[in-house]
């Protein structure tokens, strides 16, 4: 059996080196140093398919995000593909990476994400989606139970939006969309808070934020094995936009279900029109008939 190439040997291949230089230019030496340091710090990455390692690292570099795992902007994760009998490298965005890309675009006045402690959530307007919080003092927050996470954006044009998910919703999201979470290891297991923050900020951005080329690339590349194309091995049948749309649909259906008067029901008619969803339209019509009886 041929001996596996080290990361330095792989990078020193003329074709590989030219590809790196074509993408990064004068940043190439610093990039190579970072990649070698990253791979040599992990036995799993040393054993990983080198093309996938380079694809993941180059994606981070093209987005100008550091691959130092301790910084939390982007992650290169070894993934054991038992079916093919190989280890590959998976690119993952961190929540700090999404915030960094958003701020660079110049279209955000404010972007933030936070945990939510027990007693801080006061209510959610089912129609507008507005969330009311009463934040605890920092010393009290340290002792309080975390019940969820919220992301918030305000654009330079004045538009603002937030997205809240409970800790249980985020846990179920991790189980559904991460094989490693199902098996009890990986980033969801090691740093649940960071992955929860990433999830709410990613879903909020995908649904409501301006999507420049870097943000679109980050959304697409997140959790992909990157060689000649993107391949998703970590159980990703739905896009982040699809998930966000699903949450919006659930919110509208909930409002229709809880409407007690025809006037209250009519308040959500614009949202029903915007959604353009047959299930929502039917629920609205059925509720309207029921209220007239």
Protein backbone atom coordinates (compact mmCIF):
# COMPACT_ATOMS: atom_id res chain seq x y z
CA UNK A 1 0.00 0.00 0.00
CA UNK A 2 1.35 3.43 -0.97
CA UNK A 3 2.24 5.67 1.92
CA UNK A 4 -0.25 8.48 2.56
CA UNK A 5 1.04 11.92 1.57
CA UNK A 6 1.64 14.39 4.39
CA UNK A 7 -0.12 17.75 4.10
CA UNK A 8 3.21 19.42 3.23
CA UNK A 9 3.86 16.91 0.45
CA UNK A 10 0.35 17.45 -0.89
CA UNK A 11 0.68 21.25 -0.88
CA UNK A 12 4.07 21.05 -2.61
CA UNK A 13 2.45 19.44 -5.64
CA UNK A 14 2.79 21.98 -8.47
CA UNK A 15 -0.90 21.85 -9.44
CA UNK A 16 -2.09 22.25 -5.86
CA UNK A 17 0.30 25.13 -5.19
CA UNK A 18 -0.76 26.95 -8.37
CA UNK A 19 -4.43 26.60 -7.39
CA UNK A 20 -3.72 28.09 -3.97
CA UNK A 21 -1.76 30.99 -5.46
CA UNK A 22 -4.53 31.66 -8.00
CA UNK A 23 -7.05 32.09 -5.17
CA UNK A 24 -4.93 33.80 -2.51
CA UNK A 25 -2.02 35.49 -4.27
CA UNK A 26 0.35 37.05 -1.75
CA UNK A 27 -1.58 35.53 1.15
CA UNK A 28 -0.40 32.04 0.09
CA UNK A 29 2.56 31.64 2.52
CA UNK A 30 0.46 32.61 5.56
CA UNK A 31 -2.32 30.29 4.41
CA UNK A 32 0.03 27.32 3.99
CA UNK A 33 1.45 27.88 7.48
CA UNK A 34 -2.08 27.92 8.94
CA UNK A 35 -3.11 24.74 7.11
CA UNK A 36 -0.01 22.81 8.14
CA UNK A 37 -0.43 23.91 11.76
CA UNK A 38 -4.13 22.94 11.75
CA UNK A 39 -3.62 19.49 10.23
CA UNK A 40 -0.59 18.62 12.37
CA UNK A 41 -2.59 19.42 15.51
CA UNK A 42 -5.16 16.70 14.74
CA UNK A 43 -4.50 13.01 14.10
CA UNK A 44 -7.91 12.73 12.42
CA UNK A 45 -7.13 15.55 9.98
CA UNK A 46 -3.71 14.02 9.27
CA UNK A 47 -5.54 10.90 8.12
CA UNK A 48 -8.23 12.81 6.19
CA UNK A 49 -8.47 13.01 2.41
CA UNK A 50 -6.10 15.87 1.53
CA UNK A 51 -8.22 17.24 -1.31
CA UNK A 52 -11.16 17.69 1.07
CA UNK A 53 -8.89 19.33 3.68
CA UNK A 54 -7.60 21.77 1.07
CA UNK A 55 -11.11 22.45 -0.25
CA UNK A 56 -12.38 23.31 3.23
CA UNK A 57 -9.38 25.48 4.10
CA UNK A 58 -9.48 27.33 0.77
CA UNK A 59 -13.17 28.06 1.26
CA UNK A 60 -12.43 29.67 4.63
CA UNK A 61 -9.53 31.62 3.11
CA UNK A 62 -11.64 32.81 0.16
CA UNK A 63 -14.13 34.17 2.72
CA UNK A 64 -11.17 35.70 4.59
CA UNK A 65 -12.01 33.78 7.76
CA UNK A 66 -9.25 32.34 9.99
CA UNK A 67 -9.15 28.54 10.39
CA UNK A 68 -7.80 28.71 13.93
CA UNK A 69 -10.43 26.56 15.63
CA UNK A 70 -10.13 28.48 18.90
CA UNK A 71 -11.35 31.72 17.28
CA UNK A 72 -14.72 30.29 16.25
CA UNK A 73 -15.07 31.87 12.79
CA UNK A 74 -14.78 28.67 10.73
CA UNK A 75 -14.05 25.03 11.47
CA UNK A 76 -12.42 22.19 9.54
CA UNK A 77 -13.99 19.03 10.94
CA UNK A 78 -12.76 15.47 10.28
CA UNK A 79 -15.69 13.24 9.29
CA UNK A 80 -15.41 9.46 9.19
CA UNK A 81 -17.25 8.12 6.15
CA UNK A 82 -17.77 4.51 7.16
CA UNK A 83 -19.47 3.59 3.89
CA UNK A 84 -16.44 4.57 1.83
CA UNK A 85 -13.91 3.70 4.53
CA UNK A 86 -12.21 7.11 4.46
CA UNK A 87 -12.00 10.24 6.59
CA UNK A 88 -12.85 13.53 4.90
CA UNK A 89 -12.74 17.15 6.05
CA UNK A 90 -15.96 19.07 6.42
CA UNK A 91 -16.18 22.88 6.30
CA UNK A 92 -18.34 24.47 8.97
CA UNK A 93 -19.11 28.11 9.57
CA UNK A 94 -19.08 29.44 13.14
CA UNK A 95 -21.59 32.03 14.31
CA UNK A 96 -18.78 34.57 14.55
CA UNK A 97 -18.04 33.94 10.87
CA UNK A 98 -21.60 34.75 9.83
CA UNK A 99 -21.53 37.93 11.91
CA UNK A 100 -18.17 38.91 10.40
CA UNK A 101 -19.46 38.49 6.82
CA UNK A 102 -22.63 40.43 7.61
CA UNK A 103 -20.74 43.39 9.09
CA UNK A 104 -18.32 43.45 6.14
CA UNK A 105 -21.19 43.88 3.71
CA UNK A 106 -21.91 47.36 5.07
CA UNK A 107 -25.66 46.68 5.07
CA UNK A 108 -26.03 45.95 8.80
CA UNK A 109 -26.26 48.53 11.54
CA UNK A 110 -26.54 45.86 14.25
CA UNK A 111 -26.25 42.09 14.34
CA UNK A 112 -26.15 40.03 17.51
CA UNK A 113 -26.95 36.64 18.99
CA UNK A 114 -27.51 35.71 22.63
CA UNK A 115 -28.61 32.97 24.94
CA UNK A 116 -31.93 33.55 26.73
CA UNK A 117 -32.26 32.72 30.42
CA UNK A 118 -35.29 31.52 32.36
CA UNK A 119 -37.49 34.51 33.18
CA UNK A 120 -36.18 36.73 30.35
CA UNK A 121 -38.69 35.75 27.65
CA UNK A 122 -41.94 37.68 28.23
CA UNK A 123 -43.88 36.95 25.06
CA UNK A 124 -43.91 36.50 21.28
CA UNK A 125 -46.35 38.26 18.95
CA UNK A 126 -47.52 35.44 16.69
CA UNK A 127 -48.44 37.84 13.89
CA UNK A 128 -45.50 40.25 13.75
CA UNK A 129 -42.91 37.87 15.16
CA UNK A 130 -41.79 40.55 17.63
CA UNK A 131 -40.33 39.16 20.84
CA UNK A 132 -40.46 40.82 24.24
CA UNK A 133 -37.54 40.26 26.63
CA UNK A 134 -36.72 41.51 30.12
CA UNK A 135 -32.98 40.90 30.48
CA UNK A 136 -31.59 39.86 33.85
CA UNK A 137 -28.47 41.48 35.37
CA UNK A 138 -25.24 39.72 34.40
CA UNK A 139 -24.66 38.21 37.85
CA UNK A 140 -28.17 36.71 37.88
CA UNK A 141 -27.77 35.44 34.32
CA UNK A 142 -24.71 33.38 35.26
CA UNK A 143 -26.82 31.31 37.65
CA UNK A 144 -29.99 31.06 35.54
CA UNK A 145 -30.98 28.18 33.27
CA UNK A 146 -30.63 28.74 29.51
CA UNK A 147 -34.01 28.19 27.85
CA UNK A 148 -33.22 29.30 24.30
CA UNK A 149 -31.26 31.49 21.90
CA UNK A 150 -32.16 34.61 19.92
CA UNK A 151 -30.57 36.32 16.91
CA UNK A 152 -31.25 39.94 15.93
CA UNK A 153 -30.44 42.08 12.90
CA UNK A 154 -31.03 45.73 12.08
CA UNK A 155 -30.15 46.89 8.57
CA UNK A 156 -28.93 50.34 7.61
CA UNK A 157 -32.31 50.97 5.93
CA UNK A 158 -34.07 50.53 9.29
CA UNK A 159 -35.43 47.00 8.74
CA UNK A 160 -35.08 44.82 11.84
CA UNK A 161 -35.92 41.21 12.64
CA UNK A 162 -35.24 38.62 15.30
CA UNK A 163 -35.49 34.84 15.54
CA UNK A 164 -35.91 32.90 18.77
CA UNK A 165 -35.62 29.13 19.21
CA UNK A 166 -35.92 27.17 22.42
CA UNK A 167 -33.03 25.03 23.65
CA UNK A 168 -35.15 21.93 22.94
CA UNK A 169 -35.91 23.07 19.37
CA UNK A 170 -32.21 23.57 18.78
CA UNK A 171 -31.36 20.19 20.24
CA UNK A 172 -33.86 18.54 17.89
CA UNK A 173 -32.45 20.57 15.00
CA UNK A 174 -28.96 19.27 15.81
CA UNK A 175 -30.20 15.68 15.97
CA UNK A 176 -32.01 16.04 12.65
CA UNK A 177 -29.22 17.71 10.71
CA UNK A 178 -26.03 16.33 12.27
CA UNK A 179 -24.94 12.70 12.20
CA UNK A 180 -22.30 13.42 14.86
CA UNK A 181 -24.95 14.91 17.19
CA UNK A 182 -26.99 11.71 16.83
CA UNK A 183 -23.94 9.68 17.83
CA UNK A 184 -23.09 11.91 20.79
CA UNK A 185 -19.93 13.65 19.60
CA UNK A 186 -18.79 16.62 17.51
CA UNK A 187 -19.38 20.36 17.80
CA UNK A 188 -23.02 20.02 18.89
CA UNK A 189 -21.84 17.85 21.78
CA UNK A 190 -18.65 19.77 22.63
CA UNK A 191 -20.02 23.32 22.33
CA UNK A 192 -23.82 23.29 22.16
CA UNK A 193 -24.12 27.04 22.88
CA UNK A 194 -21.89 28.00 19.93
CA UNK A 195 -23.77 25.71 17.54
CA UNK A 196 -27.12 26.97 18.83
CA UNK A 197 -26.03 30.57 18.24
CA UNK A 198 -24.82 29.67 14.76
CA UNK A 199 -28.13 28.02 13.92
CA UNK A 200 -30.37 30.94 14.90
CA UNK A 201 -28.14 33.54 13.21
CA UNK A 202 -27.80 31.43 10.04
CA UNK A 203 -31.55 30.85 9.76
CA UNK A 204 -32.33 34.52 10.38
CA UNK A 205 -29.80 35.70 7.80
CA UNK A 206 -30.94 33.19 5.18
CA UNK A 207 -34.55 34.32 5.49
CA UNK A 208 -34.34 38.10 5.95
CA UNK A 209 -30.86 39.46 5.24
CA UNK A 210 -29.39 40.87 2.01
CA UNK A 211 -27.40 38.04 0.42
CA UNK A 212 -24.11 39.21 -1.09
CA UNK A 213 -21.77 36.75 -2.81
CA UNK A 214 -19.72 35.93 0.31
CA UNK A 215 -22.81 35.32 2.47
CA UNK A 216 -24.38 33.15 -0.24
CA UNK A 217 -21.16 31.13 -0.53
CA UNK A 218 -20.95 30.69 3.25
CA UNK A 219 -24.55 29.48 3.43
CA UNK A 220 -23.95 26.98 0.63
CA UNK A 221 -20.56 25.73 1.81
CA UNK A 222 -21.52 25.29 5.47
CA UNK A 223 -21.29 21.62 6.48
CA UNK A 224 -20.11 20.53 3.03
CA UNK A 225 -17.30 18.25 1.91
CA UNK A 226 -15.58 20.42 -0.68
CA UNK A 227 -13.61 18.83 -3.47
CA UNK A 228 -14.57 19.56 -7.07
CA UNK A 229 -18.11 20.29 -5.84
CA UNK A 230 -20.07 20.53 -2.60
CA UNK A 231 -21.20 17.23 -1.08
CA UNK A 232 -23.27 17.02 2.08
CA UNK A 233 -22.71 13.90 4.15
CA UNK A 234 -23.97 15.25 7.45
CA UNK A 235 -27.68 14.74 6.86
CA UNK A 236 -28.63 18.03 5.16
CA UNK A 237 -31.70 17.39 3.01
CA UNK A 238 -33.09 20.91 3.52
CA UNK A 239 -31.56 24.33 3.00
CA UNK A 240 -31.46 26.89 5.78
CA UNK A 241 -34.00 28.98 3.85
CA UNK A 242 -36.39 26.03 3.73
CA UNK A 243 -36.08 25.58 7.50
CA UNK A 244 -36.68 29.28 8.11
CA UNK A 245 -39.73 29.22 5.82
CA UNK A 246 -41.03 26.25 7.78
CA UNK A 247 -40.80 28.20 11.04
CA UNK A 248 -42.63 31.16 9.45
CA UNK A 249 -45.38 28.83 8.22
CA UNK A 250 -45.77 27.28 11.66
CA UNK A 251 -46.05 30.74 13.22
CA UNK A 252 -48.84 31.82 10.82
CA UNK A 253 -50.75 28.56 11.27
CA UNK A 254 -50.48 28.96 15.04
CA UNK A 255 -51.89 32.50 14.84
CA UNK A 256 -54.81 31.32 12.67
CA UNK A 257 -55.56 28.47 15.07
CA UNK A 258 -55.62 30.78 18.10
CA UNK A 259 -57.67 33.60 16.50
CA UNK A 260 -60.90 34.04 18.47
CA UNK A 261 -62.68 36.69 16.37
CA UNK A 262 -63.02 37.48 12.69
CA UNK A 263 -61.28 40.82 13.27
CA UNK A 264 -58.33 39.11 14.93
CA UNK A 265 -58.12 36.61 12.07
CA UNK A 266 -58.09 39.39 9.46
CA UNK A 267 -54.94 40.83 11.05
CA UNK A 268 -52.92 37.96 9.61
CA UNK A 269 -54.40 38.20 6.08
CA UNK A 270 -51.33 40.06 4.67
CA UNK A 271 -49.07 37.33 6.06
CA UNK A 272 -51.32 34.68 4.46
CA UNK A 273 -51.00 36.43 1.09
CA UNK A 274 -47.22 36.80 1.40
CA UNK A 275 -46.75 33.15 2.32
CA UNK A 276 -48.59 31.98 -0.82
CA UNK A 277 -48.98 28.52 0.72
CA UNK A 278 -52.02 26.32 0.00
CA UNK A 279 -52.09 24.81 3.50
CA UNK A 280 -52.08 28.27 5.10
CA UNK A 281 -54.77 29.54 2.71
CA UNK A 282 -57.00 26.54 3.50
CA UNK A 283 -56.48 26.95 7.25
CA UNK A 284 -57.39 30.64 6.98
CA UNK A 285 -60.55 29.92 4.94
CA UNK A 286 -61.65 27.11 7.26
CA UNK A 287 -61.10 29.27 10.33
CA UNK A 288 -63.05 32.13 8.79
CA UNK A 289 -66.02 29.83 8.09
CA UNK A 290 -65.83 28.45 11.61
CA UNK A 291 -65.87 31.92 13.19
CA UNK A 292 -68.99 32.89 11.21
CA UNK A 293 -71.03 30.00 12.58
